[in-house]
Amino acid sequence: MQNSDNKPTDNKTVLMLWTSAERGLRGMRRSLAGSLRAEPHGLDVIDIDLPEALSGKAMVSRVAGMVDGRLESALVASLGWGEVESRLAGRSPKVVVVLDPVAAAAVDTWRSKGLLRAPLVGVTCGLRLDPAWASTAVDRLAVADEIMAQGGLELGLPAECLVPCGVPVCGGFSTPSDEWEAYRRHFGLPLDKPVVLVVTDGLEEDLSGALFQLSMLGDQATLLFDVDKDERSAELLRRRAALYEVEARMFGKVDEAGQLWAACSLVVARPQLYIEQRAVNLRLPYVCLLPRGKVEGEVADVYASRGIGRRVDNMATLAAELDLLLAPDALEEARQGLLGISRGKAVKVVARMVAQVGAEAEAVLEESRKRTEEADRQPAPAAEPPKKKGPFEFIGVQSPSERSPEPEFTLADLEIAEAEAGDQVLKHQAEVERWEHRAELARDKGDDPLLRTATAMLTRQREAMHRALAELARLAEQRQAKEDPEKRRRKLEKSFKKLEVDDALADLKKKLGF
């Protein structure tokens, strides 16, 4: 079979891509790829870990992602196509599966250039719906449930694109904990009180405080720690448990880990994707401990708002929050909330949806084309004069209702703006060096308050410098698009000749002893 571009289409090929390095994503993609390869689908899955494939270039992408998500997507699209093309070896896949919105944006770029022609299926891997999905052209997006689908509609994703499938997770942790009593009998765990599972991953600095708080539960619950080959945490737990007179159990990387998790009543851990996936599939309420950063905070808020967990920002409140959640009615209510989300065979549901999209590829692509045409036919809003509020008008970044028509920039405008951005980069670089020096002086003097102040300022200046660099790159790209190609060639040639002359002069001075 061939597509309209006369490229060979392999009805058995699925291209799977991701850019995220989150631990839960890797195990899940193995399960999903395995399900697609198995009967009844029997598909040939080409799965590519883009950060790993790009090696050192991935560092550039990660730095770009810290500055601007669009810049990260552009870099992945630019750097990643060579790897994708070589792995496809001339085949045109029947469907492309992406596991994060950055990978989806890269596929959008390749499809717009005619490098790929296949439906695009996105897979959300937890309960947090990344708003960046709304900026991609996914034809289908696997989400956890109807509530998450409603969130997608609010972001502007088309209703026909959103498919509730559950949260996919690797096979060892995909069995709901309906058999918790049998598992507890098997492992000799008490049947008459809840079992609290604490995952130490990411809690190294706070583990002693967490154990102290957990010791306040007394006989209210049984404590079980998952240290997963973390010998440092294991040793700390051994010492502190004796100190605090806590009765607890712990396990590392063992074959029975999935069954041990299934024997528990709830999980306490930092918000991390692989823990979230296991908790959802095993219907364990999730106490999100000490979330750090925007994404972890949003994950914690999802669990708190849905009533299927708690958010704990202050370690001193952990015992009190657990005391509330461990009440029988509260625990049962949280588990019932998870019942509507958890699907033990979510991976198979996602695989079935992917296979179906592949089988109906032309119809799905036609649906996407019509959707794009319909959006293009929508009349453009009439231009309005700049809105004023009192003595001023709105300029710069505004809400859609307040936005003025985009001005048309000349080449001169862009050259001036680029020069100004370059000047800002140099100024921020100078400030970074100044605060680095001040931090070093404070460190040498042992003045902790001054060191904290200098370190905070250094962080701000570095962030500002990265933003300025991103803006400089954006303006340079716009300027080059405006610039006449021949004029740009002459300018580059002039710059290179100046470098050659300067180098020759420096070499001559060195020979003459100047």
Foldseek 3Di string as FASTA:
>chain_A
DADPVRFAADLQEEEEEEADPFPFVVLLVVQLCVLCCDPPNNHDYDYDHQLVVLPPLSVVLVLVVLQDLVSSLVSSLVRPPVVVCVSCVRYAYLEYEYADLSVQSSVQVCVVVVNHAYAYEYEDQFQDDPLSNLVGLHLAYEHQAVVSLVVVVVSPDDSNRYDHQFHGGHQLLLAALPVLVVLCVVVVHDPPAFEEEEECVPCLVPLLLLVLLVLVCPPRYAYEYEDAPVVSSVVVCVVSCVVSVHDYYYDHDDSCVNSVVSNGLAYEYADGSNVRSSCLSHLHQYEHEQYDDDVSVSNQVVSVVLLQYHYHNDSVCVNVRVVVCRPVVSSVVNSVSSVNRHDSPSSSSVSVVRSVCSVVTVVSVVVSVVVVVVVVPPDDDDFDPFDDDPPDGDDDDDPPVRDGDDDDDALVNLVVVLVVLVVLLVVLVVVLVVLVVQLVVCVVVVPVVSNVVSVVSNVVSVSSNSNSVVVSVVSVVVSVVNDDPVVVVVVVVVVVVVVVVVVVVVVVCVVVVD
